[in-house]
Protein backbone atom coordinates (compact mmCIF):
# COMPACT_ATOMS: atom_id res chain seq x y z
CA MET A 1 -17.06 12.64 -13.57
CA ASP A 2 -17.95 10.09 -16.07
CA TYR A 3 -17.79 7.01 -14.89
CA LYS A 4 -19.84 3.85 -15.99
CA TRP A 5 -19.95 0.04 -14.59
CA TYR A 6 -19.83 -3.22 -16.99
CA ASP A 7 -21.06 -6.65 -15.15
CA PHE A 8 -18.92 -9.54 -16.65
CA ASN A 9 -19.91 -12.02 -13.93
CA ALA A 10 -21.53 -14.19 -16.42
CA LEU A 11 -18.86 -14.23 -18.64
CA ILE A 12 -15.68 -14.75 -15.94
CA THR A 13 -16.50 -16.95 -13.43
CA ARG A 14 -15.61 -16.83 -9.77
CA ASN A 15 -13.22 -19.47 -10.96
CA GLU A 16 -11.63 -17.60 -13.34
CA ARG A 17 -10.86 -14.63 -10.72
CA ASN A 18 -9.95 -17.13 -8.34
CA ALA A 19 -7.14 -18.41 -10.96
CA MET A 20 -6.39 -14.49 -11.69
CA ALA A 21 -5.60 -13.82 -8.53
CA ASP A 22 -3.35 -17.13 -7.91
CA ASP A 23 -1.35 -16.25 -10.85
CA VAL A 24 -0.82 -12.33 -9.67
CA ARG A 25 0.85 -14.25 -6.12
CA GLU A 26 2.76 -16.36 -8.08
CA LEU A 27 3.64 -13.58 -10.12
CA ILE A 28 4.64 -11.45 -6.80
CA LYS A 29 6.56 -14.84 -5.29
CA ALA A 30 8.51 -14.63 -8.57
CA GLY A 31 9.22 -10.75 -8.25
CA ARG A 32 7.77 -9.84 -11.40
CA PHE A 33 6.36 -6.07 -9.76
CA TRP A 34 7.53 -2.63 -9.39
CA HIS A 35 10.01 -1.98 -6.98
CA ASN A 36 9.43 2.00 -6.81
CA SER A 37 5.86 1.33 -6.87
CA PRO A 38 3.11 0.34 -4.35
CA LYS A 39 2.76 -2.70 -3.05
CA TYR A 40 2.39 -4.83 -5.41
CA GLN A 41 2.34 -3.86 -8.60
CA THR A 42 3.03 -6.01 -11.32
CA ASN A 43 5.56 -5.55 -13.79
CA ASP A 44 4.32 -7.67 -16.99
CA GLN A 45 1.66 -6.67 -19.55
CA ILE A 46 -1.14 -8.74 -17.48
CA PHE A 47 -3.60 -9.73 -20.07
CA GLY A 48 -0.35 -11.02 -21.94
CA GLN A 49 -0.37 -14.11 -19.56
CA PRO A 50 -1.27 -17.70 -20.29
CA GLY A 51 -5.15 -19.00 -20.34
CA THR A 52 -8.55 -18.40 -21.61
CA HIS A 53 -9.45 -16.02 -18.05
CA TRP A 54 -7.02 -13.38 -19.18
CA SER A 55 -8.06 -13.42 -22.24
CA LYS A 56 -11.64 -12.89 -21.22
CA LEU A 57 -10.62 -10.20 -19.36
CA LYS A 58 -8.58 -9.07 -22.28
CA MET A 59 -11.48 -8.50 -24.92
CA SER A 60 -14.45 -7.26 -21.83
CA PHE A 61 -12.07 -4.59 -21.05
CA VAL A 62 -11.96 -3.40 -24.69
CA TRP A 63 -15.47 -3.69 -25.02
CA SER A 64 -16.13 -2.55 -22.12
CA CYS A 65 -14.02 0.90 -23.52
CA PHE A 66 -16.03 1.24 -26.43
CA ALA A 67 -19.27 0.99 -25.23
CA PHE A 68 -18.32 3.83 -22.97
CA LEU A 69 -17.47 5.45 -25.91
CA GLY A 70 -20.30 4.62 -27.46
CA ARG A 71 -18.46 3.36 -30.36
CA GLU A 72 -15.90 1.42 -31.12
CA VAL A 73 -12.59 3.56 -32.18
CA GLN A 74 -8.75 2.63 -33.69
CA ILE A 75 -6.89 1.38 -30.72
CA LYS A 76 -3.46 2.48 -30.24
CA GLY A 77 -1.85 0.39 -27.34
CA VAL A 78 -3.29 -1.00 -24.31
CA GLN A 79 -1.47 -1.55 -21.33
CA SER A 80 -2.20 -4.03 -18.26
CA TRP A 81 -1.08 -4.66 -14.60
CA SER A 82 -2.53 -6.41 -11.61
CA PHE A 83 -2.47 -5.02 -8.07
CA MET A 84 -2.51 -6.58 -4.82
CA THR A 85 -2.50 -5.25 -1.33
CA SER A 86 -4.16 -5.05 2.23
CA LEU A 87 -3.19 -3.66 5.56
CA LYS A 88 -0.26 -5.63 5.53
CA TYR A 89 1.38 -3.87 3.22
CA PRO A 90 0.85 0.08 3.95
CA GLU A 91 1.20 2.67 1.73
CA PRO A 92 1.24 6.24 2.29
CA ARG A 93 -1.76 7.40 1.28
CA ASP A 94 -1.43 10.84 -0.70
CA ALA A 95 1.21 9.62 -2.11
CA LEU A 96 -1.16 6.95 -4.10
CA TRP A 97 -2.91 9.95 -5.80
CA HIS A 98 -2.15 9.35 -9.92
CA HIS A 99 -4.04 9.28 -13.29
CA HIS A 100 -3.03 7.93 -16.17
CA HIS A 101 -3.08 10.45 -19.16
CA HIS A 102 0.67 10.75 -20.13
CA ASN A 103 1.01 10.77 -23.76
CA LYS A 104 -0.92 14.00 -24.35
CA ALA A 105 -0.91 12.61 -28.60
CA VAL A 106 -3.46 10.00 -27.94
CA GLU A 107 -6.78 10.32 -25.62
CA SER A 108 -7.38 7.49 -23.73
CA LEU A 109 -9.30 5.31 -21.29
CA SER A 110 -8.35 4.00 -17.55
CA GLY A 111 -10.45 0.48 -16.14
CA VAL A 112 -10.53 -0.96 -12.93
CA TYR A 113 -11.50 -4.58 -12.89
CA TYR A 114 -11.78 -5.93 -9.39
CA VAL A 115 -10.86 -9.67 -9.55
CA LYS A 116 -10.51 -10.51 -5.31
CA VAL A 117 -12.53 -7.98 -2.53
CA PRO A 118 -12.09 -8.62 0.90
CA VAL A 119 -14.98 -9.14 3.37
CA ASN A 120 -15.04 -5.16 4.55
CA LYS A 121 -15.79 -4.31 1.13
CA LYS A 122 -17.25 -0.63 1.31
CA GLU A 123 -13.82 1.10 1.49
CA CYS A 124 -11.73 -0.67 -0.53
CA GLY A 125 -13.13 0.34 -3.78
CA THR A 126 -11.16 3.21 -5.91
CA GLU A 127 -11.47 6.85 -5.02
CA PHE A 128 -11.48 9.84 -7.60
CA ALA A 129 -10.73 13.16 -6.95
CA PRO A 130 -12.32 15.42 -9.53
CA ASN A 131 -10.70 18.29 -9.38
CA GLY A 132 -7.47 17.03 -8.50
CA PRO A 133 -5.97 15.77 -4.78
CA GLU A 134 -4.86 19.06 -4.26
CA ALA A 135 -8.86 19.73 -4.17
CA PRO A 136 -11.06 18.67 -1.39
CA GLU A 137 -14.28 17.01 -3.42
CA ARG A 138 -13.56 13.30 -3.40
CA LEU A 139 -15.69 10.53 -4.87
CA GLN A 140 -15.68 6.99 -3.45
CA LEU A 141 -16.64 4.55 -5.68
CA PRO A 142 -17.54 0.52 -3.87
CA PRO A 143 -15.81 -1.96 -5.48
CA LYS A 144 -18.44 -4.52 -7.61
CA GLU A 145 -16.01 -8.26 -8.00
CA GLY A 146 -16.08 -9.20 -11.64
CA GLN A 147 -17.08 -5.92 -12.69
CA TRP A 148 -14.96 -2.72 -14.59
CA ILE A 149 -15.62 0.47 -14.20
CA ILE A 150 -14.37 2.38 -16.92
CA TYR A 151 -13.45 6.73 -17.10
CA ASN A 152 -11.30 9.00 -18.62
CA SER A 153 -7.60 8.47 -18.11
CA LYS A 154 -7.09 12.04 -16.66
CA GLU A 155 -9.09 10.91 -13.86
CA TRP A 156 -6.81 11.93 -10.63
CA HIS A 157 -7.78 8.74 -8.44
CA ARG A 158 -6.06 6.17 -5.80
CA PRO A 159 -7.00 3.02 -3.96
CA GLY A 160 -9.95 3.05 -1.61
CA GLU A 161 -8.49 2.92 2.23
CA LEU A 162 -8.22 -0.71 2.94
CA LYS A 163 -9.29 -2.08 6.27
CA SER A 164 -8.56 -5.74 6.00
CA ASP A 165 -5.63 -7.87 5.86
CA LYS A 166 -6.78 -10.02 3.70
CA ASP A 167 -5.55 -9.74 -0.01
CA ARG A 168 -7.68 -7.53 -2.36
CA PHE A 169 -6.86 -7.73 -6.35
CA ILE A 170 -7.62 -5.61 -9.31
CA VAL A 171 -6.46 -5.45 -12.47
CA ALA A 172 -5.85 -1.94 -14.07
CA ALA A 173 -5.87 -1.30 -17.86
CA ASP A 174 -5.17 1.31 -20.10
CA MET A 175 -6.62 1.70 -23.78
CA MET A 176 -5.17 4.86 -26.07
CA TYR A 177 -6.56 5.84 -29.23
């Protein structure tokens, strides 16, 4: 499995990440999340939220995708959302496996940006199943606040196991090209 980390802590500050978490809490409070998806996944294009912190995050994602590919490509679309979770919102783990390569007419990359991570950071990153969820092989990557992990959208993944009742915030995005 091919993946790469991109650190944007010098561009996007802790205060800006806290503002992102506050914005996501407000979206969820307003009911702007998918009710048929894992709790709580926003149903807004999160990169379209007002504020320079969201603009910086969108541009950091696009740059990370170009860096991952080693070249610029024509972007056909970008989707983005946020996900707030903790032990307070239990989900059946096996139901969380997914990939993002649904449109076979385009290539796509996916990314997870760790906005805010609970104190127990070891297990709450992203878990990958390189050979699919039925196969036993797993790759558990730890979360890194202020960093994007970029990978091919075909990769099966799910949120890592959470062991905290404190909220974990991520932003996820796909770039079709």
